[in-house]
Amino acid sequence: MVDAYLPTTADFAPHHGRASVKIDLSTQRAYLYRAGSQIASTRISTGRDGYETPLGRYRITQKSRHHRSSIYGDYVRGGTIVKANVDVRRHSRPPGSKFLGAPMPYFMRFNGAVGMHAGNVPYYPASHGCVRLPPRMARAFFSHVSAGTPVRVQQ
């Protein structure tokens, strides 16, 4: 199934009908609805073993166009990476370095540190729990959701 963004009248009347999101872990797909009609569908990459994306019903609590992770990223010194792909909870910071969080463009938080954002989307679960979307589709989802938008994560 290909990624699809289907413009509807809801695109031209953004206050006409509420948005909602469904994330299907078994098919690695996300669906965007507006006023009960599906307007977008995309492949996704969710949490890998040990970092599973949590099942349940949530709501968008924050949107951030230029978000960076506060947990995963690199230690850098003078603009040079000195330790890559770190988890600040497990990896000590080398002397004189600073933490630079991994970029998470079009971040849409829905459960603690877990959210949807643009990123690498292989055809399998590969994230630390977040839901990665192709950049074009992350922009589409971002433009339709707001704080309070329902998000359902199902198996």
Protein backbone atom coordinates (compact mmCIF):
# COMPACT_ATOMS: atom_id res chain seq x y z
CA MET A 1 0.00 0.00 0.00
CA VAL A 2 1.37 3.37 -1.02
CA ASP A 3 1.43 6.54 1.09
CA ALA A 4 -1.54 8.69 0.27
CA TYR A 5 -2.69 12.14 1.20
CA LEU A 6 -6.15 12.77 -0.15
CA PRO A 7 -7.19 16.43 -0.13
CA THR A 8 -10.76 16.82 1.02
CA THR A 9 -13.04 19.71 1.81
CA ALA A 10 -11.68 19.39 5.36
CA ASP A 11 -8.33 20.66 4.02
CA PHE A 12 -9.96 23.89 2.97
CA ALA A 13 -12.11 24.27 6.08
CA PRO A 14 -9.74 23.31 8.91
CA HIS A 15 -12.31 24.01 11.63
CA HIS A 16 -14.83 21.71 9.96
CA GLY A 17 -14.63 18.40 11.82
CA ARG A 18 -12.14 17.04 14.27
CA ALA A 19 -8.96 15.17 13.33
CA SER A 20 -7.96 11.78 14.75
CA VAL A 21 -5.08 9.37 14.21
CA LYS A 22 -4.94 5.57 14.17
CA ILE A 23 -1.59 3.77 14.42
CA ASP A 24 -1.63 0.08 13.48
CA LEU A 25 1.47 -1.71 14.79
CA SER A 26 0.75 -4.99 13.01
CA THR A 27 0.74 -3.39 9.56
CA GLN A 28 3.18 -0.55 10.37
CA ARG A 29 0.71 2.04 9.02
CA ALA A 30 -0.81 5.24 10.32
CA TYR A 31 -4.11 6.79 9.27
CA LEU A 32 -5.29 10.37 9.57
CA TYR A 33 -8.99 11.08 9.76
CA ARG A 34 -10.84 14.39 9.51
CA ALA A 35 -14.53 14.57 10.40
CA GLY A 36 -14.59 10.74 10.39
CA SER A 37 -13.19 10.38 6.84
CA GLN A 38 -9.74 9.00 6.13
CA ILE A 39 -7.64 11.68 4.43
CA ALA A 40 -4.15 10.17 4.73
CA SER A 41 -2.46 6.80 5.08
CA THR A 42 1.25 6.11 5.39
CA ARG A 43 3.84 3.50 6.25
CA ILE A 44 5.53 4.02 9.60
CA SER A 45 8.31 2.60 11.75
CA THR A 46 7.45 2.04 15.40
CA GLY A 47 9.35 0.76 18.45
CA ARG A 48 11.74 -2.15 18.03
CA ASP A 49 12.18 -4.99 20.55
CA GLY A 50 12.78 -3.58 24.01
CA TYR A 51 11.40 -0.16 22.98
CA GLU A 52 7.84 -1.08 21.97
CA THR A 53 5.40 1.68 21.09
CA PRO A 54 2.73 1.53 23.83
CA LEU A 55 -0.78 0.38 22.92
CA GLY A 56 -3.70 2.52 24.02
CA ARG A 57 -5.76 5.64 23.52
CA TYR A 58 -4.03 8.98 23.90
CA ARG A 59 -4.28 12.62 22.90
CA ILE A 60 -1.74 14.93 21.31
CA THR A 61 -0.24 16.97 24.15
CA GLN A 62 2.44 18.95 22.28
CA LYS A 63 3.50 19.89 18.76
CA SER A 64 7.01 21.07 17.94
CA ARG A 65 8.14 21.77 14.37
CA HIS A 66 11.89 21.67 15.21
CA HIS A 67 11.98 19.27 18.16
CA ARG A 68 15.12 17.47 19.38
CA SER A 69 15.25 14.42 21.62
CA SER A 70 16.25 14.99 25.21
CA ILE A 71 17.27 11.31 25.56
CA TYR A 72 18.87 10.11 22.30
CA GLY A 73 21.53 11.84 20.24
CA ASP A 74 25.27 12.53 20.15
CA TYR A 75 27.92 13.99 22.42
CA VAL A 76 29.72 16.76 20.54
CA ARG A 77 32.75 18.96 21.19
CA GLY A 78 33.47 21.98 19.03
CA GLY A 79 30.96 20.84 16.41
CA THR A 80 32.53 17.36 16.12
CA ILE A 81 30.76 14.21 17.27
CA VAL A 82 32.86 12.53 19.96
CA LYS A 83 30.33 9.82 20.88
CA ALA A 84 27.44 8.97 18.51
CA ASN A 85 24.04 7.40 19.08
CA VAL A 86 23.94 7.75 22.85
CA ASP A 87 21.21 7.37 25.43
CA VAL A 88 21.92 10.02 28.10
CA ARG A 89 20.53 7.67 30.75
CA ARG A 90 23.16 5.04 29.96
CA HIS A 91 26.15 6.73 28.38
CA SER A 92 28.39 9.12 30.30
CA ARG A 93 29.29 12.45 28.74
CA PRO A 94 32.94 12.75 27.68
CA PRO A 95 34.74 15.72 29.32
CA GLY A 96 34.21 19.01 27.51
CA SER A 97 31.40 17.68 25.33
CA LYS A 98 27.74 18.71 25.08
CA PHE A 99 24.70 16.60 24.33
CA LEU A 100 22.98 17.29 20.98
CA GLY A 101 19.60 15.58 20.76
CA ALA A 102 18.56 13.73 17.63
CA PRO A 103 16.35 15.84 15.36
CA MET A 104 12.66 14.91 15.43
CA PRO A 105 11.01 17.28 12.92
CA TYR A 106 7.23 17.74 13.07
CA PHE A 107 7.07 16.15 16.53
CA MET A 108 3.58 15.35 17.85
CA ARG A 109 3.81 14.10 21.46
CA PHE A 110 1.04 11.76 22.64
CA ASN A 111 2.37 9.64 25.54
CA GLY A 112 5.16 10.94 27.76
CA ALA A 113 8.32 10.97 25.64
CA VAL A 114 6.57 9.07 22.80
CA GLY A 115 5.24 10.84 19.74
CA MET A 116 5.04 10.86 15.96
CA HIS A 117 7.71 12.64 13.91
CA ALA A 118 9.52 12.68 10.57
CA GLY A 119 12.34 10.18 10.32
CA ASN A 120 13.84 7.12 8.68
CA VAL A 121 11.07 4.64 7.86
CA PRO A 122 12.37 1.17 7.03
CA TYR A 123 9.74 -1.50 6.48
CA TYR A 124 9.94 -2.77 10.10
CA PRO A 125 9.87 -1.47 13.70
CA ALA A 126 13.18 0.34 14.30
CA SER A 127 12.59 3.26 16.68
CA HIS A 128 13.04 3.80 20.42
CA GLY A 129 9.24 3.82 20.79
CA CYS A 130 8.24 6.83 18.71
CA VAL A 131 6.25 6.55 15.49
CA ARG A 132 8.41 7.63 12.53
CA LEU A 133 6.66 8.91 9.43
CA PRO A 134 8.08 9.85 6.01
CA PRO A 135 8.80 13.62 6.05
CA ARG A 136 6.05 14.54 3.57
CA MET A 137 3.46 12.61 5.57
CA ALA A 138 4.73 13.96 8.91
CA ARG A 139 4.05 17.48 7.55
CA ALA A 140 0.53 16.47 6.50
CA PHE A 141 -0.29 14.91 9.90
CA PHE A 142 1.30 17.89 11.70
CA SER A 143 -0.86 20.36 9.77
CA HIS A 144 -4.09 18.59 10.81
CA VAL A 145 -3.56 17.67 14.47
CA SER A 146 -3.60 19.94 17.48
CA ALA A 147 -3.38 19.54 21.25
CA GLY A 148 -6.21 17.21 22.22
CA THR A 149 -6.39 15.28 18.94
CA PRO A 150 -7.17 11.62 19.73
CA VAL A 151 -4.49 9.03 18.88
CA ARG A 152 -5.23 5.29 19.04
CA VAL A 153 -2.34 2.81 18.96
CA GLN A 154 -3.49 -0.75 18.24
CA GLN A 155 -1.97 -4.12 17.45
